[in-house]
Amino acid sequence: MAERSLRGMKIGASSLETDEGVRFVARSDYEYTCPNGHDFHKTFAEEAEIPAVWECHCGANALLKDAEEPEDTKKAKPQRTHWDMLCERRSMEELEELLEERMALINKRGMRSRM
């Protein structure tokens, strides 16, 4: 039985390719500064177009050091939230009334399930 078993390699254990003839692309390191005080570096190929803005790990847009902020990010309006859109459609008095109605309905359902 052992004579008939197949021998092979583990999948993904090692590459069969060699580094012979491989030339790495020239790279450059660029520094970005976040408005929240974070500084970080990104490495790009020398031929690559370097973006002026890169997202920081905190979610803010970091600016390339010694670069000016692009025009399209300066004019961007803040994103409207669900609450903003709701406040555009309803007054606070209407919202409080709706809340009271929903709470009464929920409490009524809760009483039925306990019986």
Protein backbone atom coordinates (compact mmCIF):
# COMPACT_ATOMS: atom_id res chain seq x y z
CA MET A 1 0.00 0.00 0.00
CA ALA A 2 2.80 2.43 0.89
CA GLU A 3 4.47 1.69 -2.43
CA ARG A 4 1.45 2.98 -4.32
CA SER A 5 0.99 6.26 -2.40
CA LEU A 6 1.61 9.49 -4.24
CA ARG A 7 4.31 11.85 -3.15
CA GLY A 8 4.02 15.57 -3.59
CA MET A 9 4.29 18.95 -2.02
CA LYS A 10 2.06 20.73 0.40
CA ILE A 11 -0.10 23.31 -1.30
CA GLY A 12 1.33 26.76 -0.71
CA ALA A 13 4.33 25.44 1.21
CA SER A 14 6.92 27.04 -1.04
CA SER A 15 7.17 28.57 -4.46
CA LEU A 16 8.77 26.77 -7.35
CA GLU A 17 9.85 30.10 -8.86
CA THR A 18 13.27 31.60 -8.31
CA ASP A 19 14.33 35.22 -7.91
CA GLU A 20 16.49 34.90 -10.98
CA GLY A 21 15.85 37.70 -13.47
CA VAL A 22 13.52 39.60 -11.12
CA ARG A 23 14.06 43.36 -10.99
CA PHE A 24 12.19 45.39 -8.43
CA VAL A 25 10.69 48.73 -9.40
CA ALA A 26 12.31 51.84 -7.97
CA ARG A 27 10.23 53.14 -5.06
CA SER A 28 9.90 56.36 -3.09
CA ASP A 29 8.54 57.03 0.38
CA TYR A 30 6.00 59.83 0.94
CA GLU A 31 4.76 61.32 4.21
CA TYR A 32 1.12 62.16 4.91
CA THR A 33 -0.21 64.30 7.76
CA CYS A 34 -3.70 63.81 9.20
CA PRO A 35 -5.68 66.78 10.60
CA ASN A 36 -5.99 64.76 13.85
CA GLY A 37 -2.20 64.82 14.31
CA HIS A 38 -1.29 61.42 12.84
CA ASP A 39 1.78 61.19 10.57
CA PHE A 40 2.41 58.13 8.39
CA HIS A 41 4.44 57.05 5.37
CA LYS A 42 3.33 55.34 2.16
CA THR A 43 5.62 53.79 -0.44
CA PHE A 44 4.84 54.20 -4.13
CA ALA A 45 6.60 53.25 -7.34
CA GLU A 46 8.53 56.18 -8.79
CA GLU A 47 6.41 56.11 -11.97
CA ALA A 48 3.15 56.15 -10.01
CA GLU A 49 0.97 59.24 -9.74
CA ILE A 50 1.10 60.23 -6.08
CA PRO A 51 -2.31 61.11 -4.57
CA ALA A 52 -2.41 64.38 -2.62
CA VAL A 53 -4.94 62.90 -0.16
CA TRP A 54 -4.83 59.48 1.54
CA GLU A 55 -7.26 58.11 4.12
CA CYS A 56 -5.75 57.89 7.60
CA HIS A 57 -6.42 54.92 9.90
CA CYS A 58 -8.73 57.19 11.94
CA GLY A 59 -10.90 57.82 8.87
CA ALA A 60 -9.88 61.44 8.22
CA ASN A 61 -8.29 62.53 4.94
CA ALA A 62 -4.54 63.01 5.39
CA LEU A 63 -2.69 65.46 3.14
CA LEU A 64 0.63 64.80 1.44
CA LYS A 65 3.38 66.73 3.21
CA ASP A 66 4.23 70.00 1.41
CA ALA A 67 1.22 69.66 -0.90
CA GLU A 68 -1.80 71.90 -1.25
CA GLU A 69 -5.27 70.59 -0.61
CA PRO A 70 -7.05 69.67 -3.86
CA GLU A 71 -9.94 71.92 -4.93
CA ASP A 72 -12.54 69.11 -4.97
CA THR A 73 -12.04 68.32 -1.26
CA LYS A 74 -12.29 71.98 -0.23
CA LYS A 75 -15.79 72.40 -1.67
CA ALA A 76 -17.24 69.14 -0.40
CA LYS A 77 -20.39 69.55 1.66
CA PRO A 78 -20.71 67.52 4.84
CA GLN A 79 -22.80 64.40 4.38
CA ARG A 80 -26.37 64.66 5.61
CA THR A 81 -27.38 62.11 8.22
CA HIS A 82 -30.77 60.43 8.61
CA TRP A 83 -31.46 62.75 11.54
CA ASP A 84 -30.77 65.83 9.38
CA MET A 85 -33.19 64.67 6.71
CA LEU A 86 -35.83 63.80 9.33
CA CYS A 87 -35.54 67.25 10.90
CA GLU A 88 -36.09 68.80 7.46
CA ARG A 89 -39.42 66.98 7.10
CA ARG A 90 -40.81 67.15 10.66
CA SER A 91 -40.84 69.61 13.54
CA MET A 92 -39.70 68.56 17.02
CA GLU A 93 -43.32 68.64 18.25
CA GLU A 94 -44.37 66.21 15.49
CA LEU A 95 -41.45 63.93 16.30
CA GLU A 96 -42.31 63.88 20.00
CA GLU A 97 -45.94 63.06 19.18
CA LEU A 98 -44.88 60.19 16.90
CA LEU A 99 -42.53 58.90 19.59
CA GLU A 100 -45.34 58.89 22.16
CA GLU A 101 -47.63 56.98 19.76
CA ARG A 102 -44.95 54.36 19.00
CA MET A 103 -44.05 53.94 22.68
CA ALA A 104 -47.73 53.43 23.56
CA LEU A 105 -48.03 50.81 20.82
CA ILE A 106 -44.90 49.00 22.00
CA ASN A 107 -46.08 49.04 25.62
CA LYS A 108 -49.50 47.72 24.55
CA ARG A 109 -47.87 44.82 22.67
CA GLY A 110 -45.65 44.08 25.65
CA MET A 111 -48.68 43.81 27.96
CA ARG A 112 -50.41 41.37 25.59
CA SER A 113 -47.42 39.05 25.47
CA ARG A 114 -47.25 38.87 29.28
CA MET A 115 -50.87 37.73 29.58
